[in-house]
Protein backbone atom coordinates (compact mmCIF):
# COMPACT_ATOMS: atom_id res chain seq x y z
CA UNK A 1 0.00 0.00 0.00
CA UNK A 2 2.82 2.39 0.91
CA UNK A 3 4.46 1.84 -2.49
CA UNK A 4 1.21 2.64 -4.30
CA UNK A 5 0.82 5.88 -2.33
CA UNK A 6 4.42 6.80 -3.08
CA UNK A 7 3.80 6.10 -6.77
CA UNK A 8 0.67 8.30 -6.66
CA UNK A 9 2.73 11.12 -5.11
CA UNK A 10 5.33 10.81 -7.86
CA UNK A 11 2.58 10.91 -10.47
CA UNK A 12 2.16 14.59 -9.70
CA UNK A 13 5.83 15.38 -9.04
CA UNK A 14 7.91 13.72 -11.79
CA UNK A 15 11.16 15.19 -10.46
CA UNK A 16 10.87 12.70 -7.58
CA UNK A 17 11.22 9.75 -9.96
CA UNK A 18 14.78 8.53 -10.30
CA UNK A 19 15.01 5.52 -12.59
CA UNK A 20 18.30 3.66 -12.87
CA UNK A 21 18.51 4.35 -16.59
CA UNK A 22 22.15 3.31 -16.84
CA UNK A 23 21.37 -0.16 -15.51
CA UNK A 24 18.28 -0.50 -17.70
CA UNK A 25 20.00 0.62 -20.90
CA UNK A 26 22.83 -1.86 -20.29
CA UNK A 27 20.22 -4.66 -20.26
CA UNK A 28 18.41 -3.63 -23.46
CA UNK A 29 19.19 -3.89 -27.16
CA UNK A 30 19.55 -0.65 -29.12
CA UNK A 31 16.01 -0.96 -30.51
CA UNK A 32 14.61 -1.73 -27.04
CA UNK A 33 16.53 1.19 -25.55
CA UNK A 34 14.64 3.56 -27.85
CA UNK A 35 11.32 2.22 -26.56
CA UNK A 36 12.51 2.50 -22.96
CA UNK A 37 13.78 6.08 -23.39
CA UNK A 38 10.43 7.12 -24.92
CA UNK A 39 8.70 6.18 -21.65
CA UNK A 40 7.88 8.79 -19.05
CA UNK A 41 10.42 9.02 -16.22
CA UNK A 42 7.81 7.69 -13.75
CA UNK A 43 7.10 4.65 -15.91
CA UNK A 44 10.84 4.04 -16.33
CA UNK A 45 11.33 4.12 -12.56
CA UNK A 46 8.48 1.62 -12.13
CA UNK A 47 9.90 -0.62 -14.88
CA UNK A 48 13.35 -0.69 -13.28
CA UNK A 49 11.87 -1.55 -9.88
CA UNK A 50 9.88 -4.39 -11.42
CA UNK A 51 12.88 -5.72 -13.36
CA UNK A 52 15.17 -5.61 -10.33
CA UNK A 53 12.56 -7.29 -8.13
CA UNK A 54 12.14 -9.99 -10.78
CA UNK A 55 15.89 -10.62 -10.61
CA UNK A 56 15.84 -10.64 -6.79
CA UNK A 57 13.11 -13.25 -6.76
CA UNK A 58 14.42 -15.22 -9.76
CA UNK A 59 18.20 -14.73 -10.02
CA UNK A 60 18.27 -17.12 -12.96
CA UNK A 61 15.79 -15.02 -14.96
CA UNK A 62 16.74 -15.06 -18.63
CA UNK A 63 17.64 -11.81 -20.36
CA UNK A 64 14.41 -11.80 -22.37
CA UNK A 65 12.35 -11.80 -19.14
CA UNK A 66 14.34 -8.92 -17.63
CA UNK A 67 14.02 -6.94 -20.85
CA UNK A 68 10.27 -7.61 -20.89
CA UNK A 69 10.04 -6.28 -17.34
CA UNK A 70 11.80 -3.10 -18.43
CA UNK A 71 9.45 -2.65 -21.39
CA UNK A 72 6.17 -3.99 -20.01
CA UNK A 73 4.53 -0.54 -19.83
CA UNK A 74 6.21 0.99 -22.88
CA UNK A 75 2.89 1.04 -24.73
CA UNK A 76 1.84 3.87 -22.41
CA UNK A 77 4.41 6.11 -24.13
CA UNK A 78 2.04 6.65 -27.04
CA UNK A 79 0.36 9.43 -25.03
CA UNK A 80 1.63 12.10 -22.66
CA UNK A 81 1.63 11.14 -18.98
CA UNK A 82 -1.43 12.76 -17.42
CA UNK A 83 -1.82 11.76 -13.77
CA UNK A 84 -5.54 12.45 -13.48
CA UNK A 85 -6.29 10.39 -16.60
CA UNK A 86 -4.24 7.51 -15.24
CA UNK A 87 -6.04 7.61 -11.91
CA UNK A 88 -9.48 7.80 -13.53
CA UNK A 89 -8.79 4.98 -15.99
CA UNK A 90 -7.43 2.89 -13.14
CA UNK A 91 -10.60 3.37 -11.12
CA UNK A 92 -13.12 2.88 -13.93
CA UNK A 93 -12.68 0.17 -16.53
CA UNK A 94 -14.25 0.61 -19.96
CA UNK A 95 -14.30 -1.78 -22.88
CA UNK A 96 -12.75 0.26 -25.69
CA UNK A 97 -11.40 -0.93 -29.06
CA UNK A 98 -7.67 -1.09 -29.68
CA UNK A 99 -7.93 0.98 -32.91
CA UNK A 100 -8.09 3.69 -33.94
CA UNK A 101 -6.27 5.27 -31.02
CA UNK A 102 -8.30 8.31 -30.06
CA UNK A 103 -7.34 11.55 -28.38
CA UNK A 104 -8.81 12.76 -25.13
CA UNK A 105 -10.17 10.63 -22.36
CA UNK A 106 -11.26 7.78 -24.64
CA UNK A 107 -7.67 7.48 -25.82
CA UNK A 108 -6.53 7.30 -22.19
CA UNK A 109 -8.85 4.32 -21.64
CA UNK A 110 -7.48 2.69 -24.78
CA UNK A 111 -3.93 3.09 -23.50
CA UNK A 112 -4.89 1.68 -20.10
CA UNK A 113 -6.59 -1.35 -21.60
CA UNK A 114 -4.35 -2.08 -24.61
CA UNK A 115 -0.86 -0.84 -23.60
CA UNK A 116 0.55 -4.40 -23.54
CA UNK A 117 -0.41 -4.89 -27.20
CA UNK A 118 0.75 -1.40 -28.22
CA UNK A 119 4.13 -2.21 -26.69
CA UNK A 120 4.38 -5.77 -28.00
CA UNK A 121 3.92 -4.79 -31.64
CA UNK A 122 6.92 -2.44 -31.35
CA UNK A 123 9.26 -5.02 -29.79
CA UNK A 124 11.38 -7.01 -32.24
CA UNK A 125 12.33 -9.96 -30.02
CA UNK A 126 9.38 -12.38 -30.08
CA UNK A 127 10.09 -13.74 -26.58
CA UNK A 128 10.13 -10.25 -25.07
CA UNK A 129 7.05 -9.23 -27.06
CA UNK A 130 5.09 -12.29 -25.88
CA UNK A 131 5.77 -11.62 -22.20
CA UNK A 132 4.91 -7.94 -22.56
CA UNK A 133 1.70 -8.81 -24.42
CA UNK A 134 0.68 -11.24 -21.65
CA UNK A 135 1.76 -9.28 -18.57
CA UNK A 136 -1.81 -8.50 -17.47
CA UNK A 137 -3.26 -11.85 -18.57
CA UNK A 138 -0.34 -14.24 -18.25
CA UNK A 139 -0.23 -17.55 -20.05
CA UNK A 140 3.49 -18.30 -20.02
CA UNK A 141 5.70 -18.86 -16.98
CA UNK A 142 7.71 -15.63 -17.29
CA UNK A 143 4.62 -13.54 -17.99
CA UNK A 144 3.10 -14.98 -14.81
CA UNK A 145 6.22 -14.13 -12.84
CA UNK A 146 6.31 -10.61 -14.30
CA UNK A 147 2.63 -10.15 -13.45
CA UNK A 148 3.20 -11.20 -9.84
CA UNK A 149 6.10 -8.80 -9.38
CA UNK A 150 4.34 -5.95 -11.20
CA UNK A 151 1.34 -6.32 -8.88
CA UNK A 152 3.59 -5.54 -5.90
CA UNK A 153 4.11 -2.01 -7.20
C-alpha atoms as a PDB file:
ATOM      1  CA  UNK A   1       0.000   0.000   0.000  1.00  0.00           C
ATOM      2  CA  UNK A   2       2.822   2.392   0.907  1.00  0.00           C
ATOM      3  CA  UNK A   3       4.462   1.841  -2.491  1.00  0.00           C
ATOM      4  CA  UNK A   4       1.206   2.643  -4.300  1.00  0.00           C
ATOM      5  CA  UNK A   5       0.817   5.883  -2.326  1.00  0.00           C
ATOM      6  CA  UNK A   6       4.423   6.801  -3.083  1.00  0.00           C
ATOM      7  CA  UNK A   7       3.796   6.105  -6.769  1.00  0.00           C
ATOM      8  CA  UNK A   8       0.673   8.298  -6.659  1.00  0.00           C
ATOM      9  CA  UNK A   9       2.727  11.115  -5.110  1.00  0.00           C
ATOM     10  CA  UNK A  10       5.327  10.813  -7.859  1.00  0.00           C
ATOM     11  CA  UNK A  11       2.576  10.905 -10.474  1.00  0.00           C
ATOM     12  CA  UNK A  12       2.160  14.585  -9.702  1.00  0.00           C
ATOM     13  CA  UNK A  13       5.829  15.377  -9.043  1.00  0.00           C
ATOM     14  CA  UNK A  14       7.909  13.719 -11.788  1.00  0.00           C
ATOM     15  CA  UNK A  15      11.163  15.190 -10.457  1.00  0.00           C
ATOM     16  CA  UNK A  16      10.870  12.703  -7.575  1.00  0.00           C
ATOM     17  CA  UNK A  17      11.217   9.746  -9.957  1.00  0.00           C
ATOM     18  CA  UNK A  18      14.782   8.527 -10.301  1.00  0.00           C
ATOM     19  CA  UNK A  19      15.013   5.518 -12.595  1.00  0.00           C
ATOM     20  CA  UNK A  20      18.297   3.662 -12.869  1.00  0.00           C
ATOM     21  CA  UNK A  21      18.507   4.351 -16.595  1.00  0.00           C
ATOM     22  CA  UNK A  22      22.150   3.307 -16.841  1.00  0.00           C
ATOM     23  CA  UNK A  23      21.372  -0.158 -15.514  1.00  0.00           C
ATOM     24  CA  UNK A  24      18.278  -0.495 -17.702  1.00  0.00           C
ATOM     25  CA  UNK A  25      20.000   0.620 -20.896  1.00  0.00           C
ATOM     26  CA  UNK A  26      22.826  -1.856 -20.293  1.00  0.00           C
ATOM     27  CA  UNK A  27      20.225  -4.663 -20.263  1.00  0.00           C
ATOM     28  CA  UNK A  28      18.413  -3.627 -23.460  1.00  0.00           C
ATOM     29  CA  UNK A  29      19.192  -3.887 -27.157  1.00  0.00           C
ATOM     30  CA  UNK A  30      19.553  -0.653 -29.120  1.00  0.00           C
ATOM     31  CA  UNK A  31      16.009  -0.961 -30.506  1.00  0.00           C
ATOM     32  CA  UNK A  32      14.608  -1.729 -27.043  1.00  0.00           C
ATOM     33  CA  UNK A  33      16.532   1.193 -25.547  1.00  0.00           C
ATOM     34  CA  UNK A  34      14.643   3.563 -27.853  1.00  0.00           C
ATOM     35  CA  UNK A  35      11.318   2.219 -26.561  1.00  0.00           C
ATOM     36  CA  UNK A  36      12.514   2.499 -22.965  1.00  0.00           C
ATOM     37  CA  UNK A  37      13.776   6.083 -23.391  1.00  0.00           C
ATOM     38  CA  UNK A  38      10.430   7.115 -24.916  1.00  0.00           C
ATOM     39  CA  UNK A  39       8.705   6.176 -21.651  1.00  0.00           C
ATOM     40  CA  UNK A  40       7.879   8.791 -19.052  1.00  0.00           C
ATOM     41  CA  UNK A  41      10.425   9.017 -16.216  1.00  0.00           C
ATOM     42  CA  UNK A  42       7.812   7.690 -13.749  1.00  0.00           C
ATOM     43  CA  UNK A  43       7.105   4.651 -15.907  1.00  0.00           C
ATOM     44  CA  UNK A  44      10.842   4.035 -16.328  1.00  0.00           C
ATOM     45  CA  UNK A  45      11.328   4.116 -12.563  1.00  0.00           C
ATOM     46  CA  UNK A  46       8.475   1.617 -12.134  1.00  0.00           C
ATOM     47  CA  UNK A  47       9.896  -0.621 -14.876  1.00  0.00           C
ATOM     48  CA  UNK A  48      13.353  -0.687 -13.278  1.00  0.00           C
ATOM     49  CA  UNK A  49      11.868  -1.546  -9.880  1.00  0.00           C
ATOM     50  CA  UNK A  50       9.878  -4.390 -11.418  1.00  0.00           C
ATOM     51  CA  UNK A  51      12.878  -5.719 -13.358  1.00  0.00           C
ATOM     52  CA  UNK A  52      15.169  -5.610 -10.334  1.00  0.00           C
ATOM     53  CA  UNK A  53      12.561  -7.293  -8.131  1.00  0.00           C
ATOM     54  CA  UNK A  54      12.140  -9.989 -10.782  1.00  0.00           C
ATOM     55  CA  UNK A  55      15.889 -10.621 -10.609  1.00  0.00           C
ATOM     56  CA  UNK A  56      15.838 -10.642  -6.789  1.00  0.00           C
ATOM     57  CA  UNK A  57      13.113 -13.251  -6.761  1.00  0.00           C
ATOM     58  CA  UNK A  58      14.419 -15.222  -9.761  1.00  0.00           C
ATOM     59  CA  UNK A  59      18.199 -14.726 -10.016  1.00  0.00           C
ATOM     60  CA  UNK A  60      18.271 -17.123 -12.963  1.00  0.00           C
ATOM     61  CA  UNK A  61      15.789 -15.020 -14.955  1.00  0.00           C
ATOM     62  CA  UNK A  62      16.736 -15.058 -18.626  1.00  0.00           C
ATOM     63  CA  UNK A  63      17.645 -11.812 -20.357  1.00  0.00           C
ATOM     64  CA  UNK A  64      14.414 -11.796 -22.367  1.00  0.00           C
ATOM     65  CA  UNK A  65      12.349 -11.799 -19.142  1.00  0.00           C
ATOM     66  CA  UNK A  66      14.337  -8.918 -17.627  1.00  0.00           C
ATOM     67  CA  UNK A  67      14.017  -6.937 -20.847  1.00  0.00           C
ATOM     68  CA  UNK A  68      10.270  -7.612 -20.892  1.00  0.00           C
ATOM     69  CA  UNK A  69      10.036  -6.282 -17.342  1.00  0.00           C
ATOM     70  CA  UNK A  70      11.799  -3.101 -18.432  1.00  0.00           C
ATOM     71  CA  UNK A  71       9.445  -2.646 -21.387  1.00  0.00           C
ATOM     72  CA  UNK A  72       6.165  -3.992 -20.008  1.00  0.00           C
ATOM     73  CA  UNK A  73       4.533  -0.544 -19.833  1.00  0.00           C
ATOM     74  CA  UNK A  74       6.209   0.992 -22.884  1.00  0.00           C
ATOM     75  CA  UNK A  75       2.889   1.043 -24.735  1.00  0.00           C
ATOM     76  CA  UNK A  76       1.841   3.869 -22.413  1.00  0.00           C
ATOM     77  CA  UNK A  77       4.406   6.110 -24.126  1.00  0.00           C
ATOM     78  CA  UNK A  78       2.037   6.646 -27.042  1.00  0.00           C
ATOM     79  CA  UNK A  79       0.362   9.427 -25.028  1.00  0.00           C
ATOM     80  CA  UNK A  80       1.628  12.102 -22.659  1.00  0.00           C
ATOM     81  CA  UNK A  81       1.634  11.139 -18.981  1.00  0.00           C
ATOM     82  CA  UNK A  82      -1.426  12.761 -17.423  1.00  0.00           C
ATOM     83  CA  UNK A  83      -1.818  11.756 -13.765  1.00  0.00           C
ATOM     84  CA  UNK A  84      -5.540  12.455 -13.483  1.00  0.00           C
ATOM     85  CA  UNK A  85      -6.291  10.393 -16.602  1.00  0.00           C
ATOM     86  CA  UNK A  86      -4.237   7.512 -15.240  1.00  0.00           C
ATOM     87  CA  UNK A  87      -6.036   7.612 -11.914  1.00  0.00           C
ATOM     88  CA  UNK A  88      -9.481   7.796 -13.530  1.00  0.00           C
ATOM     89  CA  UNK A  89      -8.788   4.979 -15.991  1.00  0.00           C
ATOM     90  CA  UNK A  90      -7.434   2.889 -13.137  1.00  0.00           C
ATOM     91  CA  UNK A  91     -10.602   3.372 -11.119  1.00  0.00           C
ATOM     92  CA  UNK A  92     -13.117   2.876 -13.928  1.00  0.00           C
ATOM     93  CA  UNK A  93     -12.684   0.166 -16.526  1.00  0.00           C
ATOM     94  CA  UNK A  94     -14.249   0.613 -19.963  1.00  0.00           C
ATOM     95  CA  UNK A  95     -14.300  -1.777 -22.879  1.00  0.00           C
ATOM     96  CA  UNK A  96     -12.748   0.259 -25.693  1.00  0.00           C
ATOM     97  CA  UNK A  97     -11.405  -0.931 -29.062  1.00  0.00           C
ATOM     98  CA  UNK A  98      -7.674  -1.085 -29.678  1.00  0.00           C
ATOM     99  CA  UNK A  99      -7.934   0.984 -32.906  1.00  0.00           C
ATOM    100  CA  UNK A 100      -8.087   3.695 -33.938  1.00  0.00           C
ATOM    101  CA  UNK A 101      -6.269   5.271 -31.018  1.00  0.00           C
ATOM    102  CA  UNK A 102      -8.300   8.309 -30.063  1.00  0.00           C
ATOM    103  CA  UNK A 103      -7.339  11.550 -28.377  1.00  0.00           C
ATOM    104  CA  UNK A 104      -8.812  12.764 -25.131  1.00  0.00           C
ATOM    105  CA  UNK A 105     -10.167  10.627 -22.356  1.00  0.00           C
ATOM    106  CA  UNK A 106     -11.262   7.780 -24.641  1.00  0.00           C
ATOM    107  CA  UNK A 107      -7.666   7.475 -25.816  1.00  0.00           C
ATOM    108  CA  UNK A 108      -6.528   7.299 -22.189  1.00  0.00           C
ATOM    109  CA  UNK A 109      -8.854   4.324 -21.643  1.00  0.00           C
ATOM    110  CA  UNK A 110      -7.479   2.689 -24.780  1.00  0.00           C
ATOM    111  CA  UNK A 111      -3.928   3.086 -23.505  1.00  0.00           C
ATOM    112  CA  UNK A 112      -4.890   1.683 -20.105  1.00  0.00           C
ATOM    113  CA  UNK A 113      -6.588  -1.347 -21.601  1.00  0.00           C
ATOM    114  CA  UNK A 114      -4.349  -2.075 -24.606  1.00  0.00           C
ATOM    115  CA  UNK A 115      -0.862  -0.838 -23.602  1.00  0.00           C
ATOM    116  CA  UNK A 116       0.551  -4.398 -23.541  1.00  0.00           C
ATOM    117  CA  UNK A 117      -0.408  -4.891 -27.196  1.00  0.00           C
ATOM    118  CA  UNK A 118       0.746  -1.401 -28.221  1.00  0.00           C
ATOM    119  CA  UNK A 119       4.132  -2.213 -26.694  1.00  0.00           C
ATOM    120  CA  UNK A 120       4.384  -5.770 -28.002  1.00  0.00           C
ATOM    121  CA  UNK A 121       3.916  -4.786 -31.642  1.00  0.00           C
ATOM    122  CA  UNK A 122       6.916  -2.445 -31.348  1.00  0.00           C
ATOM    123  CA  UNK A 123       9.264  -5.018 -29.792  1.00  0.00           C
ATOM    124  CA  UNK A 124      11.376  -7.006 -32.236  1.00  0.00           C
ATOM    125  CA  UNK A 125      12.334  -9.960 -30.019  1.00  0.00           C
ATOM    126  CA  UNK A 126       9.377 -12.385 -30.083  1.00  0.00           C
ATOM    127  CA  UNK A 127      10.088 -13.735 -26.584  1.00  0.00           C
ATOM    128  CA  UNK A 128      10.129 -10.250 -25.074  1.00  0.00           C
ATOM    129  CA  UNK A 129       7.045  -9.232 -27.056  1.00  0.00           C
ATOM    130  CA  UNK A 130       5.087 -12.291 -25.883  1.00  0.00           C
ATOM    131  CA  UNK A 131       5.771 -11.620 -22.199  1.00  0.00           C
ATOM    132  CA  UNK A 132       4.910  -7.935 -22.560  1.00  0.00           C
ATOM    133  CA  UNK A 133       1.703  -8.809 -24.421  1.00  0.00           C
ATOM    134  CA  UNK A 134       0.684 -11.242 -21.649  1.00  0.00           C
ATOM    135  CA  UNK A 135       1.760  -9.277 -18.567  1.00  0.00           C
ATOM    136  CA  UNK A 136      -1.814  -8.495 -17.465  1.00  0.00           C
ATOM    137  CA  UNK A 137      -3.264 -11.850 -18.570  1.00  0.00           C
ATOM    138  CA  UNK A 138      -0.335 -14.236 -18.253  1.00  0.00           C
ATOM    139  CA  UNK A 139      -0.231 -17.546 -20.046  1.00  0.00           C
ATOM    140  CA  UNK A 140       3.491 -18.298 -20.018  1.00  0.00           C
ATOM    141  CA  UNK A 141       5.703 -18.862 -16.982  1.00  0.00           C
ATOM    142  CA  UNK A 142       7.711 -15.635 -17.294  1.00  0.00           C
ATOM    143  CA  UNK A 143       4.623 -13.544 -17.991  1.00  0.00           C
ATOM    144  CA  UNK A 144       3.101 -14.978 -14.807  1.00  0.00           C
ATOM    145  CA  UNK A 145       6.220 -14.127 -12.839  1.00  0.00           C
ATOM    146  CA  UNK A 146       6.310 -10.610 -14.295  1.00  0.00           C
ATOM    147  CA  UNK A 147       2.632 -10.146 -13.451  1.00  0.00           C
ATOM    148  CA  UNK A 148       3.199 -11.204  -9.837  1.00  0.00           C
ATOM    149  CA  UNK A 149       6.102  -8.800  -9.382  1.00  0.00           C
ATOM    150  CA  UNK A 150       4.337  -5.954 -11.204  1.00  0.00           C
ATOM    151  CA  UNK A 151       1.336  -6.317  -8.883  1.00  0.00           C
ATOM    152  CA  UNK A 152       3.594  -5.538  -5.896  1.00  0.00           C
ATOM    153  CA  UNK A 153       4.108  -2.009  -7.196  1.00  0.00           C
END
